Amino acid sequence: MELAKIETFVKIQPADIGGADMMVARCLAAAADGDETAYFDLGVIYSTGSHGVDSDLIEAHKWFNLAASRGHEEASWCRADISDEMTAREIAEAQRRAREWLSIGTRYAA
C-alpha cells in the first residue's frame, strides 16, 4: 500500500496539544517549580475529576495540602471539605504523598 492510502485507512490524528491533558501537564510543570496556584489547580482537577483525570480524593488532598502549606487560603478550605469524605487512612496516604513530593523537590534543588 502507498503511504497516503495507509494514512487515510488508519485515520491518523495529531495529538491535541491544546486540550485538557495539556492543562494537567502545564499544572504539573508549574507545580514542580513550587507554584502554589498550580498546586491548587491540581487539587481542583483531582477533586472534581476534570480535564481528563478521574476523581481521586487522595491526590486532591495532597495538592490542596501543598497549596495550603504555601499560604493559599482557599486550598485549606478545600482540603478540609474533602477530608470529610475521606478515611483517616486515606488522609494519611495523602499526607505521605505530599511529603514525598516535597522531598523529591528538595533533592532536585540540592
Protein backbone atom coordinates (compact mmCIF):
# COMPACT_ATOMS: atom_id res chain seq x y z
CA MET A 1 0.00 0.00 0.00
CA GLU A 2 1.12 3.52 -0.61
CA LEU A 3 1.77 5.69 2.41
CA ALA A 4 -1.07 8.08 1.58
CA LYS A 5 -3.54 5.21 1.43
CA ILE A 6 -2.35 3.83 4.78
CA GLU A 7 -2.77 7.23 6.46
CA THR A 8 -6.26 7.50 5.03
CA PHE A 9 -7.10 3.98 6.12
CA VAL A 10 -5.97 4.35 9.76
CA LYS A 11 -7.11 7.99 10.06
CA ILE A 12 -4.06 9.25 11.89
CA GLN A 13 -4.98 12.08 14.25
CA PRO A 14 -2.46 14.62 15.53
CA ALA A 15 -2.05 14.97 19.28
CA ASP A 16 -4.31 17.53 20.93
CA ILE A 17 -1.76 19.95 22.36
CA GLY A 18 -4.39 22.45 23.49
CA GLY A 19 -6.71 20.03 25.21
CA ALA A 20 -7.49 19.06 28.74
CA ASP A 21 -4.50 16.73 29.05
CA MET A 22 -2.18 19.68 28.41
CA MET A 23 -3.79 21.61 31.28
CA VAL A 24 -2.70 18.88 33.69
CA ALA A 25 0.79 18.76 32.15
CA ARG A 26 1.16 22.54 32.45
CA CYS A 27 -0.01 22.44 36.08
CA LEU A 28 2.42 19.64 36.91
CA ALA A 29 5.29 21.58 35.33
CA ALA A 30 4.39 24.70 37.32
CA ALA A 31 3.96 22.61 40.48
CA ALA A 32 7.47 21.27 40.00
CA ASP A 33 8.61 24.90 40.27
CA GLY A 34 6.67 25.32 43.54
CA ASP A 35 3.75 27.33 42.15
CA GLU A 36 1.02 27.27 44.81
CA THR A 37 -1.64 28.22 42.25
CA ALA A 38 -0.71 25.12 40.24
CA TYR A 39 -0.94 23.04 43.42
CA PHE A 40 -4.44 24.43 44.00
CA ASP A 41 -5.48 23.90 40.37
CA LEU A 42 -4.34 20.27 40.56
CA GLY A 43 -6.37 19.84 43.75
CA VAL A 44 -9.44 21.13 41.94
CA ILE A 45 -8.78 18.91 38.92
CA TYR A 46 -8.43 15.76 41.04
CA SER A 47 -11.32 16.59 43.38
CA THR A 48 -13.74 17.18 40.52
CA GLY A 49 -12.38 14.61 38.08
CA SER A 50 -11.99 17.19 35.34
CA HIS A 51 -9.51 17.73 32.48
CA GLY A 52 -9.37 14.06 31.61
CA VAL A 53 -8.45 12.67 35.04
CA ASP A 54 -10.55 10.51 37.32
CA SER A 55 -11.69 11.93 40.64
CA ASP A 56 -9.10 10.99 43.28
CA LEU A 57 -9.57 12.49 46.73
CA ILE A 58 -6.16 11.32 47.95
CA GLU A 59 -4.40 13.20 45.12
CA ALA A 60 -6.74 16.17 45.58
CA HIS A 61 -5.93 16.33 49.30
CA LYS A 62 -2.21 16.10 48.52
CA TRP A 63 -2.34 19.07 46.14
CA PHE A 64 -4.61 21.14 48.39
CA ASN A 65 -2.27 20.39 51.30
CA LEU A 66 0.75 21.56 49.31
CA ALA A 67 -1.05 24.74 48.24
CA ALA A 68 -2.19 25.45 51.81
CA SER A 69 1.35 24.97 53.10
CA ARG A 70 2.41 27.74 50.68
CA GLY A 71 -0.25 30.11 52.03
CA HIS A 72 -3.11 29.52 49.59
CA GLU A 73 -6.09 30.20 51.86
CA GLU A 74 -8.80 28.70 49.65
CA ALA A 75 -6.80 25.45 49.43
CA SER A 76 -7.05 24.95 53.18
CA TRP A 77 -10.84 25.25 52.97
CA CYS A 78 -11.00 22.79 50.08
CA ARG A 79 -8.71 20.35 51.89
CA ALA A 80 -10.95 20.47 54.95
CA ASP A 81 -14.03 19.98 52.80
CA ILE A 82 -12.79 16.84 51.06
CA SER A 83 -11.33 15.49 54.32
CA ASP A 84 -14.91 14.99 55.49
CA GLU A 85 -15.34 12.42 52.72
CA MET A 86 -12.07 10.57 53.42
CA THR A 87 -10.99 7.93 55.91
CA ALA A 88 -8.11 8.55 58.28
CA ARG A 89 -6.04 6.08 56.27
CA GLU A 90 -6.70 7.98 53.03
CA ILE A 91 -5.72 11.28 54.66
CA ALA A 92 -2.52 9.70 55.97
CA GLU A 93 -1.72 8.47 52.45
CA ALA A 94 -2.35 11.93 51.02
CA GLN A 95 -0.03 13.46 53.61
CA ARG A 96 2.64 10.87 52.83
CA ARG A 97 2.39 11.70 49.12
CA ALA A 98 2.69 15.43 49.87
CA ARG A 99 5.83 14.83 51.95
CA GLU A 100 7.23 12.65 49.19
CA TRP A 101 6.57 15.42 46.60
CA LEU A 102 8.37 17.93 48.80
CA SER A 103 11.33 15.61 49.42
CA ILE A 104 11.78 14.98 45.68
CA GLY A 105 11.77 18.72 45.02
CA THR A 106 14.34 19.27 47.75
CA ARG A 107 16.63 16.63 46.23
CA TYR A 108 16.48 18.31 42.81
CA ALA A 109 17.18 21.73 44.33
CA ALA A 110 20.32 20.49 46.10
